[in-house]
Amino acid sequence: MDEQSSRSEALSRFTFRRLAFVDLRRLHGWLSEPGVARWYRSAPSLDEVRDKYGRRIRGDSPTRSSMAELDGRPVGHVQWYLSREYPDYHQAVGADGGWVGVDYFVGDPADRGRGVGSAMIDAFVEQVVAKLAGATAAVASPSPDNAASIRALENAGFAGGDVVAVGDSSEVVMVRALRLRSSP
C-alpha cells in the first residue's frame, strides 16, 4: 500500500459529530484529567462545562464543538471557529479572512503519544475544515511549552512556529494551508 492510500485509510477511521448534551460528563472528565487540565487555567467544574459547551451545542457561540471518534470510540474533542469571529485572536495570529481556528485534545491518556492526536487533527482538517466555504487555512496556537501538541500539528501538516501574544498568554501560531478544490 502506498503512503497516500495508507494515510487515507488511517484518516477514514475517524468520524466527527457535533457535541451533544449527553457528551458533557465525558468531556468534563477529559478536561479534568491532568494531561489536559494542565493546558487550561484550571480544571472546570461540571456546571462550567455545561454552561460553556451548552452554548456551543445550542448554537449560541461562534465556536462549534465536535466529538472525535476513532473506529466508533470517543477519543477526543475538536472545535473550530472562523478566526475573524474572534477579532483579537484573528489580529494576533495574523490571520486572513479564510482562516479557521482549530482547538483539540485527546481525552484518554492511553491514546496519547501514539499518533492519535496527529491523525485526529489531520482527519478533522480534511473532513471538516477543508469543506467549509471560503476556508483557506487551518490555524492552531498551542502554548510554546506544549511540545506534544506542536509535534502533533507538525505531523498533521501544520507549519509556522512564530510565538505571539494572545490575550495574556503566549501561543505558537501553526498554520496548514488548504488545497483549493477545482470546480466540477
Protein backbone atom coordinates (compact mmCIF):
# COMPACT_ATOMS: atom_id res chain seq x y z
CA MET A 1 0.00 0.00 0.00
CA ASP A 2 1.43 3.41 -0.94
CA GLU A 3 1.77 6.27 1.55
CA GLN A 4 -1.29 8.16 0.27
CA SER A 5 -3.52 5.07 0.49
CA SER A 6 -2.25 4.33 3.98
CA ARG A 7 -2.96 7.93 5.06
CA SER A 8 -6.44 7.84 3.54
CA GLU A 9 -7.21 4.59 5.32
CA ALA A 10 -5.99 5.97 8.66
CA LEU A 11 -7.99 9.20 8.26
CA SER A 12 -11.16 7.31 7.32
CA ARG A 13 -11.12 5.61 10.73
CA PHE A 14 -12.03 8.97 12.32
CA THR A 15 -15.51 10.43 12.42
CA PHE A 16 -16.60 13.75 13.89
CA ARG A 17 -20.03 14.51 15.21
CA ARG A 18 -21.50 17.56 16.85
CA LEU A 19 -21.05 17.64 20.57
CA ALA A 20 -24.31 16.75 22.37
CA PHE A 21 -25.52 17.30 25.92
CA VAL A 22 -25.04 13.58 26.58
CA ASP A 23 -21.29 14.09 25.96
CA LEU A 24 -20.76 16.73 28.64
CA ARG A 25 -19.98 14.37 31.52
CA ARG A 26 -17.30 12.61 29.43
CA LEU A 27 -15.95 15.99 28.28
CA HIS A 28 -15.78 17.15 31.89
CA GLY A 29 -13.82 14.02 32.81
CA TRP A 30 -11.36 14.63 29.99
CA LEU A 31 -10.95 18.32 30.85
CA SER A 32 -10.27 17.32 34.48
CA GLU A 33 -7.61 14.77 33.51
CA PRO A 34 -4.18 16.22 34.45
CA GLY A 35 -2.69 15.82 30.95
CA VAL A 36 -5.47 18.00 29.53
CA ALA A 37 -6.14 20.28 32.51
CA ARG A 38 -2.54 21.49 32.64
CA TRP A 39 -3.11 23.47 29.41
CA TYR A 40 -6.13 25.27 30.85
CA ARG A 41 -6.14 27.81 33.68
CA SER A 42 -7.85 25.23 35.88
CA ALA A 43 -9.99 22.13 35.52
CA PRO A 44 -13.59 23.30 35.07
CA SER A 45 -16.49 22.14 37.21
CA LEU A 46 -19.25 20.13 35.56
CA ASP A 47 -21.51 23.20 35.76
CA GLU A 48 -18.86 25.30 33.97
CA VAL A 49 -18.61 22.65 31.24
CA ARG A 50 -22.41 22.56 30.90
CA ASP A 51 -22.51 26.36 30.60
CA LYS A 52 -19.62 26.82 28.16
CA TYR A 53 -20.24 23.82 25.91
CA GLY A 54 -24.02 24.00 26.26
CA ARG A 55 -23.89 27.37 24.47
CA ARG A 56 -21.96 25.71 21.65
CA ILE A 57 -24.41 22.82 21.45
CA ARG A 58 -27.35 25.24 21.28
CA GLY A 59 -25.62 27.33 18.60
CA ASP A 60 -25.23 30.37 20.88
CA SER A 61 -21.47 30.60 20.25
CA PRO A 62 -19.37 31.11 17.11
CA THR A 63 -17.30 28.09 18.22
CA ARG A 64 -18.54 24.70 17.03
CA SER A 65 -17.58 21.66 19.09
CA SER A 66 -17.21 18.06 17.93
CA MET A 67 -16.53 14.69 19.45
CA ALA A 68 -13.80 12.81 17.63
CA GLU A 69 -14.33 9.08 17.33
CA LEU A 70 -11.78 6.50 16.21
CA ASP A 71 -13.41 3.33 14.93
CA GLY A 72 -16.60 4.44 16.72
CA ARG A 73 -14.90 5.06 20.09
CA PRO A 74 -14.79 8.62 21.50
CA VAL A 75 -11.12 9.68 21.72
CA GLY A 76 -11.11 13.45 21.81
CA HIS A 77 -12.64 16.84 21.33
CA VAL A 78 -12.10 19.18 18.39
CA GLN A 79 -13.62 22.60 17.97
CA TRP A 80 -13.48 25.11 15.15
CA TYR A 81 -14.34 28.74 14.56
CA LEU A 82 -13.81 31.32 11.84
CA SER A 83 -10.87 33.28 13.20
CA ARG A 84 -12.49 36.56 12.13
CA GLU A 85 -15.29 35.84 14.64
CA TYR A 86 -12.69 36.50 17.35
CA PRO A 87 -11.10 39.79 16.17
CA ASP A 88 -8.38 39.99 18.84
CA TYR A 89 -7.23 36.43 18.11
CA HIS A 90 -7.55 36.99 14.36
CA GLN A 91 -5.26 40.01 14.54
CA ALA A 92 -2.78 38.44 16.99
CA VAL A 93 -2.14 35.41 14.77
CA GLY A 94 -2.04 37.45 11.55
CA ALA A 95 -4.96 35.58 10.01
CA ASP A 96 -6.61 36.31 6.72
CA GLY A 97 -10.38 36.17 6.28
CA GLY A 98 -10.42 32.47 5.36
CA TRP A 99 -8.53 31.10 8.35
CA VAL A 100 -10.34 28.61 10.54
CA GLY A 101 -9.18 28.23 14.14
CA VAL A 102 -8.90 24.69 15.48
CA ASP A 103 -8.50 23.59 19.11
CA TYR A 104 -8.31 19.96 20.19
CA PHE A 105 -7.26 17.43 22.77
CA VAL A 106 -7.04 13.67 23.05
CA GLY A 107 -9.07 12.69 26.11
CA ASP A 108 -7.71 9.37 27.32
CA PRO A 109 -4.03 9.30 28.38
CA ALA A 110 -3.74 5.79 26.86
CA ASP A 111 -4.38 7.33 23.42
CA ARG A 112 -1.64 9.96 23.73
CA GLY A 113 1.88 9.59 22.37
CA ARG A 114 0.78 7.04 19.74
CA GLY A 115 -0.08 9.32 16.81
CA VAL A 116 -3.80 9.53 17.60
CA GLY A 117 -3.66 13.32 18.03
CA SER A 118 -1.85 13.92 14.74
CA ALA A 119 -4.21 11.65 12.82
CA MET A 120 -7.26 13.19 14.54
CA ILE A 121 -6.17 16.72 13.61
CA ASP A 122 -5.29 15.68 10.05
CA ALA A 123 -8.66 13.93 9.61
CA PHE A 124 -10.56 16.90 11.07
CA VAL A 125 -8.90 19.34 8.70
CA GLU A 126 -9.65 17.06 5.72
CA GLN A 127 -13.19 16.07 6.69
CA VAL A 128 -14.48 19.29 8.23
CA VAL A 129 -12.32 22.40 7.75
CA ALA A 130 -11.48 21.82 4.07
CA LYS A 131 -15.19 21.60 3.27
CA LEU A 132 -16.09 24.97 4.79
CA ALA A 133 -16.97 27.59 2.19
CA GLY A 134 -14.23 30.21 1.93
CA ALA A 135 -11.77 28.37 4.19
CA THR A 136 -8.16 28.89 3.07
CA ALA A 137 -6.19 27.59 6.06
CA ALA A 138 -6.49 25.96 9.46
CA VAL A 139 -4.72 27.68 12.34
CA ALA A 140 -3.94 26.33 15.80
CA SER A 141 -1.98 28.06 18.52
CA PRO A 142 -0.80 25.90 21.40
CA SER A 143 1.34 27.04 24.29
CA PRO A 144 5.06 27.19 23.43
CA ASP A 145 5.55 24.74 26.33
CA ASN A 146 3.23 22.14 24.77
CA ALA A 147 5.81 20.27 22.71
CA ALA A 148 3.50 17.28 22.17
CA SER A 149 0.80 19.47 20.63
CA ILE A 150 3.28 21.31 18.42
CA ARG A 151 4.68 17.97 17.23
CA ALA A 152 1.14 16.65 16.58
CA LEU A 153 0.37 19.72 14.48
CA GLU A 154 3.61 19.36 12.51
CA ASN A 155 2.78 15.70 11.86
CA ALA A 156 -0.67 16.80 10.67
CA GLY A 157 0.84 19.15 8.08
CA PHE A 158 0.91 22.42 10.01
CA ALA A 159 3.92 24.74 9.84
CA GLY A 160 4.96 28.01 11.38
CA GLY A 161 6.17 28.49 14.86
CA ASP A 162 6.03 32.25 15.48
CA VAL A 163 5.24 32.98 19.12
CA VAL A 164 2.65 35.73 19.57
CA ALA A 165 0.80 37.27 22.50
CA VAL A 166 -2.84 36.26 22.56
CA GLY A 167 -4.59 37.96 25.43
CA ASP A 168 -2.45 37.37 28.49
CA SER A 169 -0.66 34.28 27.15
CA SER A 170 1.94 33.37 24.54
CA GLU A 171 0.96 30.97 21.77
CA VAL A 172 2.77 29.33 18.86
CA VAL A 173 0.99 30.05 15.56
CA MET A 174 0.78 26.90 13.43
CA VAL A 175 -0.93 27.04 10.01
CA ARG A 176 -1.94 24.46 7.45
CA ALA A 177 -2.91 25.86 4.05
CA LEU A 178 -5.84 24.12 2.43
CA ARG A 179 -5.71 22.73 -1.06
CA LEU A 180 -8.05 24.65 -3.29
CA ARG A 181 -10.65 22.38 -4.83
CA SER A 182 -11.28 22.79 -8.51
CA SER A 183 -14.80 23.40 -9.70
CA PRO A 184 -16.65 20.41 -11.14
